[in-house]
């Protein structure tokens, strides 16, 4: 097993047990370098409860697998996440 710092274990535990929804995404860029989609890498249980979607249904999938990229809210979210 890999040696893990106490801080890493603490923060991971904090996120997993948090009552607030947490999702880790990977931004997908187009050929022009602009964000065009994002992939779900991880979510906590609170996120599952809020969205009604399970981690196993989300991980490895893109937001475009669930919503049209023409949806204004989704476009804005992708742009915002890309700026972060």
Protein backbone atom coordinates (compact mmCIF):
# COMPACT_ATOMS: atom_id res chain seq x y z
CA UNK A 1 0.00 0.00 0.00
CA UNK A 2 1.23 3.46 -0.89
CA UNK A 3 2.34 5.69 1.98
CA UNK A 4 -0.26 8.41 2.39
CA UNK A 5 0.13 11.61 4.34
CA UNK A 6 -2.17 12.17 7.31
CA UNK A 7 -3.38 15.37 5.65
CA UNK A 8 -4.43 13.50 2.49
CA UNK A 9 -6.35 10.92 4.50
CA UNK A 10 -8.01 13.67 6.57
CA UNK A 11 -9.14 15.70 3.54
CA UNK A 12 -10.36 12.63 1.67
CA UNK A 13 -12.35 11.55 4.72
CA UNK A 14 -13.73 15.07 5.13
CA UNK A 15 -14.99 15.12 1.53
CA UNK A 16 -16.43 11.61 1.66
CA UNK A 17 -18.32 12.29 4.90
CA UNK A 18 -19.34 15.86 4.09
CA UNK A 19 -23.05 16.70 4.12
CA UNK A 20 -22.35 18.90 1.09
CA UNK A 21 -22.37 17.52 -2.43
CA UNK A 22 -18.91 17.14 -3.96
CA UNK A 23 -18.00 16.16 -7.50
CA UNK A 24 -14.54 16.03 -9.03
CA UNK A 25 -14.51 16.71 -12.76
CA UNK A 26 -11.97 16.61 -15.56
CA UNK A 27 -12.46 19.41 -18.08
CA UNK A 28 -12.44 18.31 -21.72
CA UNK A 29 -11.05 20.86 -24.16
CA UNK A 30 -11.82 21.22 -27.84
CA UNK A 31 -9.20 21.62 -30.56
CA UNK A 32 -9.24 25.38 -29.94
CA UNK A 33 -8.39 24.86 -26.25
CA UNK A 34 -11.85 25.94 -25.04
CA UNK A 35 -13.80 23.77 -22.55
CA UNK A 36 -16.47 21.72 -24.35
CA UNK A 37 -17.49 19.06 -21.81
CA UNK A 38 -16.46 17.55 -18.50
CA UNK A 39 -16.04 14.04 -17.15
CA UNK A 40 -17.10 12.85 -13.70
CA UNK A 41 -14.08 11.50 -11.83
CA UNK A 42 -15.57 11.10 -8.35
CA UNK A 43 -18.59 12.12 -6.27
CA UNK A 44 -19.45 11.77 -2.61
CA UNK A 45 -22.59 10.28 -1.07
CA UNK A 46 -24.16 13.70 -0.52
CA UNK A 47 -23.85 14.40 -4.27
CA UNK A 48 -25.57 11.08 -4.97
CA UNK A 49 -28.39 11.99 -2.60
CA UNK A 50 -28.83 15.49 -4.07
CA UNK A 51 -28.83 14.37 -7.71
CA UNK A 52 -30.40 10.94 -7.34
CA UNK A 53 -27.56 9.52 -9.47
CA UNK A 54 -25.13 6.92 -8.17
CA UNK A 55 -21.35 7.20 -8.33
CA UNK A 56 -21.29 4.05 -10.46
CA UNK A 57 -23.62 5.74 -12.99
CA UNK A 58 -21.55 8.94 -13.14
CA UNK A 59 -17.88 7.99 -12.93
CA UNK A 60 -16.15 7.93 -16.28
CA UNK A 61 -19.10 9.57 -18.01
CA UNK A 62 -19.35 13.09 -19.40
CA UNK A 63 -22.03 15.64 -18.63
CA UNK A 64 -22.99 15.34 -22.32
CA UNK A 65 -24.02 11.75 -21.60
CA UNK A 66 -26.81 13.18 -19.43
CA UNK A 67 -27.67 16.57 -20.94
CA UNK A 68 -27.55 18.24 -24.32
CA UNK A 69 -24.57 20.53 -24.80
CA UNK A 70 -27.03 22.99 -26.35
CA UNK A 71 -28.63 23.47 -22.91
CA UNK A 72 -27.70 27.01 -21.78
CA UNK A 73 -27.27 26.02 -18.13
CA UNK A 74 -24.90 23.20 -19.11
CA UNK A 75 -22.95 25.48 -21.48
CA UNK A 76 -22.54 28.03 -18.67
CA UNK A 77 -21.48 25.35 -16.20
CA UNK A 78 -18.84 23.99 -18.60
CA UNK A 79 -17.54 27.51 -19.23
CA UNK A 80 -17.43 28.26 -15.49
CA UNK A 81 -15.68 24.98 -14.62
CA UNK A 82 -13.19 25.65 -17.44
CA UNK A 83 -12.35 29.03 -15.94
CA UNK A 84 -11.78 27.55 -12.50
